[in-house]
Amino acid sequence: MSASADLIQRQLDAYNAQDIEAFMRCYADDAVLAGLNGVVNQEGHEAIRSRHLALFAEFPQNKAELANRIDLGTTVIDHERVERAPGGDRFDVAAIYTLRNGEIARVDFAKAGAV
């Protein structure tokens, strides 16, 4: 596994464990989260931390399963299947990770069915 894929897997594992500290260690201080071809939704550690703490509180059984990964070095694209709770809402998402200096600098999300 490449260093890029390893970083993204550590981030996914921390997300699934809802381990906010391990999750945030994967992100650059100035990282951004955005919708694909859309506006930036969160910028910087505090905004990303707040978003995920709220998500983990609202969906304590939330899990993302990796369906496919494309590793292009400084860009890693994951197709993930997300389930908010057993038997709950499910959706597919493409997460396009841009890496810089061994950290996630940007994530663009494309959610299935989103326009």
PDB file of N, CA and C in Angstrom:
ATOM      1  N   MET A   1       0.853  -1.177   0.000  1.00  0.00           N
ATOM      2  CA  MET A   1       0.000   0.000   0.000  1.00  0.00           C
ATOM      3  C   MET A   1       0.896   1.237   0.000  1.00  0.00           C
ATOM      4  N   SER A   2       0.568   2.202  -0.834  1.00  0.00           N
ATOM      5  CA  SER A   2       1.361   3.430  -0.906  1.00  0.00           C
ATOM      6  C   SER A   2       1.139   4.280   0.344  1.00  0.00           C
ATOM      7  N   ALA A   3       2.022   5.244   0.562  1.00  0.00           N
ATOM      8  CA  ALA A   3       1.865   6.171   1.692  1.00  0.00           C
ATOM      9  C   ALA A   3       0.562   6.951   1.571  1.00  0.00           C
ATOM     10  N   SER A   4       0.177   7.311   0.351  1.00  0.00           N
ATOM     11  CA  SER A   4      -1.076   8.053   0.137  1.00  0.00           C
ATOM     12  C   SER A   4      -2.278   7.201   0.523  1.00  0.00           C
ATOM     13  N   ALA A   5      -2.323   5.975   0.025  1.00  0.00           N
ATOM     14  CA  ALA A   5      -3.436   5.077   0.348  1.00  0.00           C
ATOM     15  C   ALA A   5      -3.458   4.750   1.837  1.00  0.00           C
ATOM     16  N   ASP A   6      -2.281   4.619   2.448  1.00  0.00           N
ATOM     17  CA  ASP A   6      -2.204   4.353   3.885  1.00  0.00           C
ATOM     18  C   ASP A   6      -2.813   5.502   4.691  1.00  0.00           C
ATOM     19  N   LEU A   7      -2.507   6.738   4.317  1.00  0.00           N
ATOM     20  CA  LEU A   7      -3.074   7.904   4.998  1.00  0.00           C
ATOM     21  C   LEU A   7      -4.597   7.910   4.890  1.00  0.00           C
ATOM     22  N   ILE A   8      -5.114   7.670   3.691  1.00  0.00           N
ATOM     23  CA  ILE A   8      -6.563   7.689   3.495  1.00  0.00           C
ATOM     24  C   ILE A   8      -7.212   6.538   4.256  1.00  0.00           C
ATOM     25  N   GLN A   9      -6.574   5.386   4.305  1.00  0.00           N
ATOM     26  CA  GLN A   9      -7.129   4.261   5.070  1.00  0.00           C
ATOM     27  C   GLN A   9      -7.136   4.563   6.564  1.00  0.00           C
ATOM     28  N   ARG A  10      -6.062   5.193   7.074  1.00  0.00           N
ATOM     29  CA  ARG A  10      -6.036   5.582   8.496  1.00  0.00           C
ATOM     30  C   ARG A  10      -7.167   6.549   8.805  1.00  0.00           C
ATOM     31  N   GLN A  11      -7.419   7.489   7.890  1.00  0.00           N
ATOM     32  CA  GLN A  11      -8.494   8.447   8.068  1.00  0.00           C
ATOM     33  C   GLN A  11      -9.846   7.738   8.066  1.00  0.00           C
ATOM     34  N   LEU A  12     -10.046   6.790   7.145  1.00  0.00           N
ATOM     35  CA  LEU A  12     -11.306   6.042   7.075  1.00  0.00           C
ATOM     36  C   LEU A  12     -11.497   5.184   8.330  1.00  0.00           C
ATOM     37  N   ASP A  13     -10.439   4.545   8.780  1.00  0.00           N
ATOM     38  CA  ASP A  13     -10.527   3.744  10.007  1.00  0.00           C
ATOM     39  C   ASP A  13     -10.878   4.608  11.212  1.00  0.00           C
ATOM     40  N   ALA A  14     -10.270   5.782  11.320  1.00  0.00           N
ATOM     41  CA  ALA A  14     -10.573   6.703  12.427  1.00  0.00           C
ATOM     42  C   ALA A  14     -12.005   7.204  12.333  1.00  0.00           C
ATOM     43  N   TYR A  15     -12.475   7.489  11.122  1.00  0.00           N
ATOM     44  CA  TYR A  15     -13.866   7.910  10.901  1.00  0.00           C
ATOM     45  C   TYR A  15     -14.809   6.823  11.401  1.00  0.00           C
ATOM     46  N   ASN A  16     -14.564   5.576  11.009  1.00  0.00           N
ATOM     47  CA  ASN A  16     -15.436   4.478  11.419  1.00  0.00           C
ATOM     48  C   ASN A  16     -15.373   4.202  12.917  1.00  0.00           C
ATOM     49  N   ALA A  17     -14.235   4.450  13.528  1.00  0.00           N
ATOM     50  CA  ALA A  17     -14.098   4.291  14.981  1.00  0.00           C
ATOM     51  C   ALA A  17     -14.605   5.520  15.730  1.00  0.00           C
ATOM     52  N   GLN A  18     -14.931   6.575  14.979  1.00  0.00           N
ATOM     53  CA  GLN A  18     -15.332   7.867  15.531  1.00  0.00           C
ATOM     54  C   GLN A  18     -14.280   8.382  16.521  1.00  0.00           C
ATOM     55  N   ASP A  19     -13.023   8.192  16.123  1.00  0.00           N
ATOM     56  CA  ASP A  19     -11.874   8.655  16.903  1.00  0.00           C
ATOM     57  C   ASP A  19     -11.436  10.002  16.328  1.00  0.00           C
ATOM     58  N   ILE A  20     -11.974  11.066  16.887  1.00  0.00           N
ATOM     59  CA  ILE A  20     -11.772  12.407  16.328  1.00  0.00           C
ATOM     60  C   ILE A  20     -10.298  12.806  16.332  1.00  0.00           C
ATOM     61  N   GLU A  21      -9.536  12.409  17.340  1.00  0.00           N
ATOM     62  CA  GLU A  21      -8.118  12.802  17.402  1.00  0.00           C
ATOM     63  C   GLU A  21      -7.318  12.127  16.285  1.00  0.00           C
ATOM     64  N   ALA A  22      -7.508  10.830  16.104  1.00  0.00           N
ATOM     65  CA  ALA A  22      -6.812  10.121  15.030  1.00  0.00           C
ATOM     66  C   ALA A  22      -7.270  10.643  13.668  1.00  0.00           C
ATOM     67  N   PHE A  23      -8.547  10.925  13.533  1.00  0.00           N
ATOM     68  CA  PHE A  23      -9.096  11.467  12.297  1.00  0.00           C
ATOM     69  C   PHE A  23      -8.448  12.802  11.949  1.00  0.00           C
ATOM     70  N   MET A  24      -8.374  13.696  12.911  1.00  0.00           N
ATOM     71  CA  MET A  24      -7.835  15.037  12.652  1.00  0.00           C
ATOM     72  C   MET A  24      -6.335  15.013  12.371  1.00  0.00           C
ATOM     73  N   ARG A  25      -5.613  14.032  12.895  1.00  0.00           N
ATOM     74  CA  ARG A  25      -4.175  13.934  12.615  1.00  0.00           C
ATOM     75  C   ARG A  25      -3.892  13.699  11.129  1.00  0.00           C
ATOM     76  N   CYS A  26      -4.881  13.287  10.373  1.00  0.00           N
ATOM     77  CA  CYS A  26      -4.718  13.037   8.946  1.00  0.00           C
ATOM     78  C   CYS A  26      -4.845  14.306   8.109  1.00  0.00           C
ATOM     79  N   TYR A  27      -5.338  15.387   8.704  1.00  0.00           N
ATOM     80  CA  TYR A  27      -5.667  16.607   7.969  1.00  0.00           C
ATOM     81  C   TYR A  27      -4.667  17.727   8.207  1.00  0.00           C
ATOM     82  N   ALA A  28      -4.379  18.466   7.144  1.00  0.00           N
ATOM     83  CA  ALA A  28      -3.574  19.686   7.256  1.00  0.00           C
ATOM     84  C   ALA A  28      -4.365  20.724   8.047  1.00  0.00           C
ATOM     85  N   ASP A  29      -3.653  21.616   8.714  1.00  0.00           N
ATOM     86  CA  ASP A  29      -4.310  22.665   9.510  1.00  0.00           C
ATOM     87  C   ASP A  29      -5.274  23.511   8.692  1.00  0.00           C
ATOM     88  N   ASP A  30      -4.961  23.716   7.412  1.00  0.00           N
ATOM     89  CA  ASP A  30      -5.793  24.562   6.555  1.00  0.00           C
ATOM     90  C   ASP A  30      -6.636  23.746   5.573  1.00  0.00           C
ATOM     91  N   ALA A  31      -6.878  22.484   5.878  1.00  0.00           N
ATOM     92  CA  ALA A  31      -7.647  21.609   4.991  1.00  0.00           C
ATOM     93  C   ALA A  31      -9.056  22.140   4.769  1.00  0.00           C
ATOM     94  N   VAL A  32      -9.629  21.765   3.628  1.00  0.00           N
ATOM     95  CA  VAL A  32     -11.002  22.158   3.322  1.00  0.00           C
ATOM     96  C   VAL A  32     -11.801  20.940   2.887  1.00  0.00           C
ATOM     97  N   LEU A  33     -13.110  20.986   3.173  1.00  0.00           N
ATOM     98  CA  LEU A  33     -14.076  19.993   2.708  1.00  0.00           C
ATOM     99  C   LEU A  33     -15.066  20.721   1.820  1.00  0.00           C
ATOM    100  N   ALA A  34     -15.373  20.150   0.669  1.00  0.00           N
ATOM    101  CA  ALA A  34     -16.260  20.821  -0.285  1.00  0.00           C
ATOM    102  C   ALA A  34     -17.100  19.808  -1.037  1.00  0.00           C
ATOM    103  N   GLY A  35     -18.203  20.287  -1.576  1.00  0.00           N
ATOM    104  CA  GLY A  35     -18.977  19.495  -2.515  1.00  0.00           C
ATOM    105  C   GLY A  35     -18.287  19.560  -3.865  1.00  0.00           C
ATOM    106  N   LEU A  36     -18.334  18.488  -4.623  1.00  0.00           N
ATOM    107  CA  LEU A  36     -17.691  18.473  -5.931  1.00  0.00           C
ATOM    108  C   LEU A  36     -18.252  19.601  -6.794  1.00  0.00           C
ATOM    109  N   ASN A  37     -17.367  20.407  -7.341  1.00  0.00           N
ATOM    110  CA  ASN A  37     -17.732  21.560  -8.162  1.00  0.00           C
ATOM    111  C   ASN A  37     -18.576  22.581  -7.399  1.00  0.00           C
ATOM    112  N   GLY A  38     -18.515  22.530  -6.088  1.00  0.00           N
ATOM    113  CA  GLY A  38     -19.323  23.443  -5.283  1.00  0.00           C
ATOM    114  C   GLY A  38     -18.469  24.270  -4.348  1.00  0.00           C
ATOM    115  N   VAL A  39     -19.136  24.863  -3.407  1.00  0.00           N
ATOM    116  CA  VAL A  39     -18.464  25.743  -2.457  1.00  0.00           C
ATOM    117  C   VAL A  39     -17.789  24.933  -1.350  1.00  0.00           C
ATOM    118  N   VAL A  40     -16.829  25.558  -0.714  1.00  0.00           N
ATOM    119  CA  VAL A  40     -16.173  24.974   0.456  1.00  0.00           C
ATOM    120  C   VAL A  40     -17.167  25.001   1.612  1.00  0.00           C
ATOM    121  N   ASN A  41     -17.353  23.863   2.256  1.00  0.00           N
ATOM    122  CA  ASN A  41     -18.289  23.757   3.381  1.00  0.00           C
ATOM    123  C   ASN A  41     -17.606  23.944   4.732  1.00  0.00           C
ATOM    124  N   GLN A  42     -16.393  23.415   4.867  1.00  0.00           N
ATOM    125  CA  GLN A  42     -15.620  23.570   6.087  1.00  0.00           C
ATOM    126  C   GLN A  42     -14.192  23.903   5.693  1.00  0.00           C
ATOM    127  N   GLU A  43     -13.586  24.785   6.481  1.00  0.00           N
ATOM    128  CA  GLU A  43     -12.208  25.175   6.215  1.00  0.00           C
ATOM    129  C   GLU A  43     -11.456  25.244   7.536  1.00  0.00           C
ATOM    130  N   GLY A  44     -10.355  24.498   7.621  1.00  0.00           N
ATOM    131  CA  GLY A  44      -9.522  24.496   8.812  1.00  0.00           C
ATOM    132  C   GLY A  44      -9.929  23.432   9.820  1.00  0.00           C
ATOM    133  N   HIS A  45      -9.006  23.147  10.718  1.00  0.00           N
ATOM    134  CA  HIS A  45      -9.196  22.084  11.713  1.00  0.00           C
ATOM    135  C   HIS A  45     -10.441  22.261  12.555  1.00  0.00           C
ATOM    136  N   GLU A  46     -10.673  23.450  13.073  1.00  0.00           N
ATOM    137  CA  GLU A  46     -11.819  23.632  13.974  1.00  0.00           C
ATOM    138  C   GLU A  46     -13.139  23.342  13.279  1.00  0.00           C
ATOM    139  N   ALA A  47     -13.296  23.816  12.055  1.00  0.00           N
ATOM    140  CA  ALA A  47     -14.538  23.587  11.316  1.00  0.00           C
ATOM    141  C   ALA A  47     -14.714  22.101  10.991  1.00  0.00           C
ATOM    142  N   ILE A  48     -13.637  21.440  10.590  1.00  0.00           N
ATOM    143  CA  ILE A  48     -13.711  20.012  10.265  1.00  0.00           C
ATOM    144  C   ILE A  48     -13.985  19.203  11.531  1.00  0.00           C
ATOM    145  N   ARG A  49     -13.319  19.542  12.611  1.00  0.00           N
ATOM    146  CA  ARG A  49     -13.548  18.859  13.892  1.00  0.00           C
ATOM    147  C   ARG A  49     -15.008  19.026  14.328  1.00  0.00           C
ATOM    148  N   SER A  50     -15.505  20.241  14.289  1.00  0.00           N
ATOM    149  CA  SER A  50     -16.886  20.510  14.718  1.00  0.00           C
ATOM    150  C   SER A  50     -17.888  19.721  13.885  1.00  0.00           C
ATOM    151  N   ARG A  51     -17.674  19.712  12.571  1.00  0.00           N
ATOM    152  CA  ARG A  51     -18.581  18.968  11.675  1.00  0.00           C
ATOM    153  C   ARG A  51     -18.631  17.502  12.056  1.00  0.00           C
ATOM    154  N   HIS A  52     -17.468  16.908  12.289  1.00  0.00           N
ATOM    155  CA  HIS A  52     -17.426  15.476  12.558  1.00  0.00           C
ATOM    156  C   HIS A  52     -17.878  15.131  13.975  1.00  0.00           C
ATOM    157  N   LEU A  53     -17.605  15.979  14.927  1.00  0.00           N
ATOM    158  CA  LEU A  53     -18.140  15.731  16.276  1.00  0.00           C
ATOM    159  C   LEU A  53     -19.663  15.726  16.249  1.00  0.00           C
ATOM    160  N   ALA A  54     -20.259  16.663  15.509  1.00  0.00           N
ATOM    161  CA  ALA A  54     -21.720  16.718  15.391  1.00  0.00           C
ATOM    162  C   ALA A  54     -22.244  15.477  14.655  1.00  0.00           C
ATOM    163  N   LEU A  55     -21.560  15.072  13.590  1.00  0.00           N
ATOM    164  CA  LEU A  55     -21.963  13.893  12.834  1.00  0.00           C
ATOM    165  C   LEU A  55     -21.891  12.642  13.698  1.00  0.00           C
ATOM    166  N   PHE A  56     -20.798  12.490  14.450  1.00  0.00           N
ATOM    167  CA  PHE A  56     -20.633  11.319  15.312  1.00  0.00           C
ATOM    168  C   PHE A  56     -21.686  11.300  16.420  1.00  0.00           C
ATOM    169  N   ALA A  57     -22.044  12.465  16.938  1.00  0.00           N
ATOM    170  CA  ALA A  57     -23.073  12.535  17.981  1.00  0.00           C
ATOM    171  C   ALA A  57     -24.444  12.167  17.415  1.00  0.00           C
ATOM    172  N   GLU A  58     -24.741  12.651  16.214  1.00  0.00           N
ATOM    173  CA  GLU A  58     -26.053  12.383  15.613  1.00  0.00           C
ATOM    174  C   GLU A  58     -26.187  10.945  15.122  1.00  0.00           C
ATOM    175  N   PHE A  59     -25.077  10.370  14.637  1.00  0.00           N
ATOM    176  CA  PHE A  59     -25.095   9.014  14.068  1.00  0.00           C
ATOM    177  C   PHE A  59     -24.003   8.162  14.719  1.00  0.00           C
ATOM    178  N   PRO A  60     -24.207   7.726  15.956  1.00  0.00           N
ATOM    179  CA  PRO A  60     -23.149   6.989  16.663  1.00  0.00           C
ATOM    180  C   PRO A  60     -22.804   5.631  16.049  1.00  0.00           C
ATOM    181  N   GLN A  61     -23.636   5.116  15.151  1.00  0.00           N
ATOM    182  CA  GLN A  61     -23.343   3.839  14.502  1.00  0.00           C
ATOM    183  C   GLN A  61     -22.957   4.026  13.030  1.00  0.00           C
ATOM    184  N   ASN A  62     -22.721   5.255  12.624  1.00  0.00           N
ATOM    185  CA  ASN A  62     -22.347   5.580  11.249  1.00  0.00           C
ATOM    186  C   ASN A  62     -21.087   4.815  10.838  1.00  0.00           C
ATOM    187  N   LYS A  63     -21.104   4.248   9.640  1.00  0.00           N
ATOM    188  CA  LYS A  63     -19.942   3.538   9.103  1.00  0.00           C
ATOM    189  C   LYS A  63     -19.832   3.818   7.611  1.00  0.00           C
ATOM    190  N   ALA A  64     -18.609   3.878   7.122  1.00  0.00           N
ATOM    191  CA  ALA A  64     -18.342   3.995   5.693  1.00  0.00           C
ATOM    192  C   ALA A  64     -17.531   2.776   5.265  1.00  0.00           C
ATOM    193  N   GLU A  65     -18.028   2.077   4.274  1.00  0.00           N
ATOM    194  CA  GLU A  65     -17.354   0.893   3.755  1.00  0.00           C
ATOM    195  C   GLU A  65     -16.706   1.246   2.422  1.00  0.00           C
ATOM    196  N   LEU A  66     -15.447   0.909   2.288  1.00  0.00           N
ATOM    197  CA  LEU A  66     -14.725   1.172   1.050  1.00  0.00           C
ATOM    198  C   LEU A  66     -15.185   0.197  -0.029  1.00  0.00           C
ATOM    199  N   ALA A  67     -15.685   0.734  -1.141  1.00  0.00           N
ATOM    200  CA  ALA A  67     -16.087  -0.084  -2.277  1.00  0.00           C
ATOM    201  C   ALA A  67     -14.973  -0.160  -3.310  1.00  0.00           C
ATOM    202  N   ASN A  68     -14.240   0.948  -3.477  1.00  0.00           N
ATOM    203  CA  ASN A  68     -13.158   0.988  -4.454  1.00  0.00           C
ATOM    204  C   ASN A  68     -12.242   2.164  -4.134  1.00  0.00           C
ATOM    205  N   ARG A  69     -10.982   2.017  -4.451  1.00  0.00           N
ATOM    206  CA  ARG A  69     -10.010   3.104  -4.235  1.00  0.00           C
ATOM    207  C   ARG A  69      -9.126   3.218  -5.472  1.00  0.00           C
ATOM    208  N   ILE A  70      -8.911   4.464  -5.894  1.00  0.00           N
ATOM    209  CA  ILE A  70      -7.982   4.772  -6.973  1.00  0.00           C
ATOM    210  C   ILE A  70      -6.885   5.635  -6.363  1.00  0.00           C
ATOM    211  N   ASP A  71      -5.664   5.168  -6.435  1.00  0.00           N
ATOM    212  CA  ASP A  71      -4.523   5.869  -5.846  1.00  0.00           C
ATOM    213  C   ASP A  71      -3.678   6.468  -6.960  1.00  0.00           C
ATOM    214  N   LEU A  72      -3.681   7.797  -7.050  1.00  0.00           N
ATOM    215  CA  LEU A  72      -2.909   8.504  -8.064  1.00  0.00           C
ATOM    216  C   LEU A  72      -1.775   9.307  -7.437  1.00  0.00           C
ATOM    217  N   GLY A  73      -1.354   8.904  -6.259  1.00  0.00           N
ATOM    218  CA  GLY A  73      -0.258   9.604  -5.581  1.00  0.00           C
ATOM    219  C   GLY A  73      -0.785  10.725  -4.709  1.00  0.00           C
ATOM    220  N   THR A  74      -0.793  11.946  -5.230  1.00  0.00           N
ATOM    221  CA  THR A  74      -1.273  13.076  -4.423  1.00  0.00           C
ATOM    222  C   THR A  74      -2.788  13.254  -4.519  1.00  0.00           C
ATOM    223  N   THR A  75      -3.439  12.408  -5.291  1.00  0.00           N
ATOM    224  CA  THR A  75      -4.900  12.356  -5.342  1.00  0.00           C
ATOM    225  C   THR A  75      -5.325  10.916  -5.125  1.00  0.00           C
ATOM    226  N   VAL A  76      -6.248  10.729  -4.179  1.00  0.00           N
ATOM    227  CA  VAL A  76      -6.807   9.403  -3.918  1.00  0.00           C
ATOM    228  C   VAL A  76      -8.324   9.553  -3.986  1.00  0.00           C
ATOM    229  N   ILE A  77      -8.956   8.662  -4.733  1.00  0.00           N
ATOM    230  CA  ILE A  77     -10.406   8.714  -4.894  1.00  0.00           C
ATOM    231  C   ILE A  77     -10.999   7.446  -4.292  1.00  0.00           C
ATOM    232  N   ASP A  78     -11.873   7.635  -3.323  1.00  0.00           N
ATOM    233  CA  ASP A  78     -12.563   6.513  -2.688  1.00  0.00           C
ATOM    234  C   ASP A  78     -14.030   6.518  -3.078  1.00  0.00           C
ATOM    235  N   HIS A  79     -14.551   5.354  -3.421  1.00  0.00           N
ATOM    236  CA  HIS A  79     -15.997   5.139  -3.533  1.00  0.00           C
ATOM    237  C   HIS A  79     -16.385   4.464  -2.231  1.00  0.00           C
ATOM    238  N   GLU A  80     -17.221   5.141  -1.455  1.00  0.00           N
ATOM    239  CA  GLU A  80     -17.615   4.628  -0.141  1.00  0.00           C
ATOM    240  C   GLU A  80     -19.116   4.420  -0.085  1.00  0.00           C
ATOM    241  N   ARG A  81     -19.518   3.404   0.639  1.00  0.00           N
ATOM    242  CA  ARG A  81     -20.933   3.141   0.932  1.00  0.00           C
ATOM    243  C   ARG A  81     -21.133   3.466   2.402  1.00  0.00           C
ATOM    244  N   VAL A  82     -21.951   4.459   2.654  1.00  0.00           N
ATOM    245  CA  VAL A  82     -22.162   4.958   4.012  1.00  0.00           C
ATOM    246  C   VAL A  82     -23.517   4.475   4.527  1.00  0.00           C
ATOM    247  N   GLU A  83     -23.512   3.999   5.761  1.00  0.00           N
ATOM    248  CA  GLU A  83     -24.745   3.587   6.434  1.00  0.00           C
ATOM    249  C   GLU A  83     -24.792   4.325   7.762  1.00  0.00           C
ATOM    250  N   ARG A  84     -25.829   5.127   7.954  1.00  0.00           N
ATOM    251  CA  ARG A  84     -25.940   5.952   9.162  1.00  0.00           C
ATOM    252  C   ARG A  84     -26.186   5.111  10.408  1.00  0.00           C
ATOM    253  N   ALA A  85     -26.927   4.013  10.270  1.00  0.00           N
ATOM    254  CA  ALA A  85     -27.203   3.097  11.374  1.00  0.00           C
ATOM    255  C   ALA A  85     -27.660   1.790  10.750  1.00  0.00           C
ATOM    256  N   PRO A  86     -27.508   0.672  11.465  1.00  0.00           N
ATOM    257  CA  PRO A  86     -27.994  -0.593  10.911  1.00  0.00           C
ATOM    258  C   PRO A  86     -29.469  -0.457  10.514  1.00  0.00           C
ATOM    259  N   GLY A  87     -29.747  -0.720   9.236  1.00  0.00           N
ATOM    260  CA  GLY A  87     -31.106  -0.593   8.730  1.00  0.00           C
ATOM    261  C   GLY A  87     -31.527   0.846   8.460  1.00  0.00           C
ATOM    262  N   GLY A  88     -30.612   1.796   8.643  1.00  0.00           N
ATOM    263  CA  GLY A  88     -30.923   3.215   8.464  1.00  0.00           C
ATOM    264  C   GLY A  88     -30.570   3.700   7.072  1.00  0.00           C
ATOM    265  N   ASP A  89     -30.492   5.023   6.948  1.00  0.00           N
ATOM    266  CA  ASP A  89     -30.163   5.640   5.666  1.00  0.00           C
ATOM    267  C   ASP A  89     -28.834   5.116   5.137  1.00  0.00           C
ATOM    268  N   ARG A  90     -28.813   4.864   3.827  1.00  0.00           N
ATOM    269  CA  ARG A  90     -27.603   4.421   3.134  1.00  0.00           C
ATOM    270  C   ARG A  90     -27.422   5.271   1.892  1.00  0.00           C
ATOM    271  N   PHE A  91     -26.169   5.546   1.567  1.00  0.00           N
ATOM    272  CA  PHE A  91     -25.883   6.266   0.335  1.00  0.00           C
ATOM    273  C   PHE A  91     -24.451   5.999  -0.093  1.00  0.00           C
ATOM    274  N   ASP A  92     -24.192   6.241  -1.366  1.00  0.00           N
ATOM    275  CA  ASP A  92     -22.842   6.120  -1.922  1.00  0.00           C
ATOM    276  C   ASP A  92     -22.259   7.508  -2.088  1.00  0.00           C
ATOM    277  N   VAL A  93     -20.950   7.606  -1.886  1.00  0.00           N
ATOM    278  CA  VAL A  93     -20.252   8.876  -2.042  1.00  0.00           C
ATOM    279  C   VAL A  93     -18.879   8.610  -2.664  1.00  0.00           C
ATOM    280  N   ALA A  94     -18.451   9.545  -3.496  1.00  0.00           N
ATOM    281  CA  ALA A  94     -17.070   9.548  -3.973  1.00  0.00           C
ATOM    282  C   ALA A  94     -16.357  10.646  -3.208  1.00  0.00           C
ATOM    283  N   ALA A  95     -15.285  10.291  -2.540  1.00  0.00           N
ATOM    284  CA  ALA A  95     -14.469  11.259  -1.800  1.00  0.00           C
ATOM    285  C   ALA A  95     -13.155  11.399  -2.558  1.00  0.00           C
ATOM    286  N   ILE A  96     -12.894  12.606  -3.021  1.00  0.00           N
ATOM    287  CA  ILE A  96     -11.683  12.885  -3.800  1.00  0.00           C
ATOM    288  C   ILE A  96     -10.722  13.633  -2.892  1.00  0.00           C
ATOM    289  N   TYR A  97      -9.699  12.945  -2.441  1.00  0.00           N
ATOM    290  CA  TYR A  97      -8.734  13.482  -1.478  1.00  0.00           C
ATOM    291  C   TYR A  97      -7.535  14.069  -2.222  1.00  0.00           C
ATOM    292  N   THR A  98      -7.191  15.290  -1.895  1.00  0.00           N
ATOM    293  CA  THR A  98      -5.977  15.923  -2.407  1.00  0.00           C
ATOM    294  C   THR A  98      -4.989  15.986  -1.256  1.00  0.00           C
ATOM    295  N   LEU A  99      -3.799  15.427  -1.468  1.00  0.00           N
ATOM    296  CA  LEU A  99      -2.800  15.338  -0.406  1.00  0.00           C
ATOM    297  C   LEU A  99      -1.682  16.341  -0.640  1.00  0.00           C
ATOM    298  N   ARG A 100      -1.139  16.836   0.478  1.00  0.00           N
ATOM    299  CA  ARG A 100      -0.006  17.768   0.430  1.00  0.00           C
ATOM    300  C   ARG A 100       0.863  17.495   1.646  1.00  0.00           C
ATOM    301  N   ASN A 101       2.129  17.235   1.412  1.00  0.00           N
ATOM    302  CA  ASN A 101       3.091  17.009   2.502  1.00  0.00           C
ATOM    303  C   ASN A 101       2.628  15.932   3.481  1.00  0.00           C
ATOM    304  N   GLY A 102       2.062  14.863   2.958  1.00  0.00           N
ATOM    305  CA  GLY A 102       1.666  13.741   3.802  1.00  0.00           C
ATOM    306  C   GLY A 102       0.414  13.970   4.622  1.00  0.00           C
ATOM    307  N   GLU A 103      -0.386  14.969   4.259  1.00  0.00           N
ATOM    308  CA  GLU A 103      -1.641  15.255   4.957  1.00  0.00           C
ATOM    309  C   GLU A 103      -2.748  15.486   3.932  1.00  0.00           C
ATOM    310  N   ILE A 104      -3.979  15.346   4.380  1.00  0.00           N
ATOM    311  CA  ILE A 104      -5.114  15.646   3.513  1.00  0.00           C
ATOM    312  C   ILE A 104      -5.300  17.156   3.507  1.00  0.00           C
ATOM    313  N   ALA A 105      -5.212  17.754   2.323  1.00  0.00           N
ATOM    314  CA  ALA A 105      -5.361  19.199   2.180  1.00  0.00           C
ATOM    315  C   ALA A 105      -6.772  19.577   1.741  1.00  0.00           C
ATOM    316  N   ARG A 106      -7.436  18.679   1.023  1.00  0.00           N
ATOM    317  CA  ARG A 106      -8.774  18.990   0.508  1.00  0.00           C
ATOM    318  C   ARG A 106      -9.513  17.686   0.246  1.00  0.00           C
ATOM    319  N   VAL A 107     -10.836  17.715   0.495  1.00  0.00           N
ATOM    320  CA  VAL A 107     -11.699  16.601   0.122  1.00  0.00           C
ATOM    321  C   VAL A 107     -12.898  17.185  -0.609  1.00  0.00           C
ATOM    322  N   ASP A 108     -13.140  16.665  -1.804  1.00  0.00           N
ATOM    323  CA  ASP A 108     -14.337  17.025  -2.569  1.00  0.00           C
ATOM    324  C   ASP A 108     -15.248  15.805  -2.590  1.00  0.00           C
ATOM    325  N   PHE A 109     -16.496  16.016  -2.204  1.00  0.00           N
ATOM    326  CA  PHE A 109     -17.457  14.922  -2.106  1.00  0.00           C
ATOM    327  C   PHE A 109     -18.488  14.984  -3.230  1.00  0.00           C
ATOM    328  N   ALA A 110     -18.739  13.843  -3.858  1.00  0.00           N
ATOM    329  CA  ALA A 110     -19.834  13.691  -4.814  1.00  0.00           C
ATOM    330  C   ALA A 110     -20.741  12.609  -4.253  1.00  0.00           C
ATOM    331  N   LYS A 111     -21.945  13.001  -3.881  1.00  0.00           N
ATOM    332  CA  LYS A 111     -22.897  12.060  -3.290  1.00  0.00           C
ATOM    333  C   LYS A 111     -23.841  11.557  -4.371  1.00  0.00           C
ATOM    334  N   ALA A 112     -24.096  10.265  -4.381  1.00  0.00           N
ATOM    335  CA  ALA A 112     -24.995   9.684  -5.366  1.00  0.00           C
ATOM    336  C   ALA A 112     -26.357  10.362  -5.300  1.00  0.00           C
ATOM    337  N   GLY A 113     -26.856  10.729  -6.477  1.00  0.00           N
ATOM    338  CA  GLY A 113     -28.167  11.369  -6.549  1.00  0.00           C
ATOM    339  C   GLY A 113     -28.139  12.879  -6.364  1.00  0.00           C
ATOM    340  N   ALA A 114     -27.014  13.433  -5.946  1.00  0.00           N
ATOM    341  CA  ALA A 114     -26.923  14.888  -5.744  1.00  0.00           C
ATOM    342  C   ALA A 114     -26.796  15.573  -7.101  1.00  0.00           C
ATOM    343  N   VAL A 115     -27.395  16.743  -7.193  1.00  0.00           N
ATOM    344  CA  VAL A 115     -27.320  17.501  -8.445  1.00  0.00           C
ATOM    345  C   VAL A 115     -26.613  18.809  -8.178  1.00  0.00           C
TER     346      VAL A 115
END
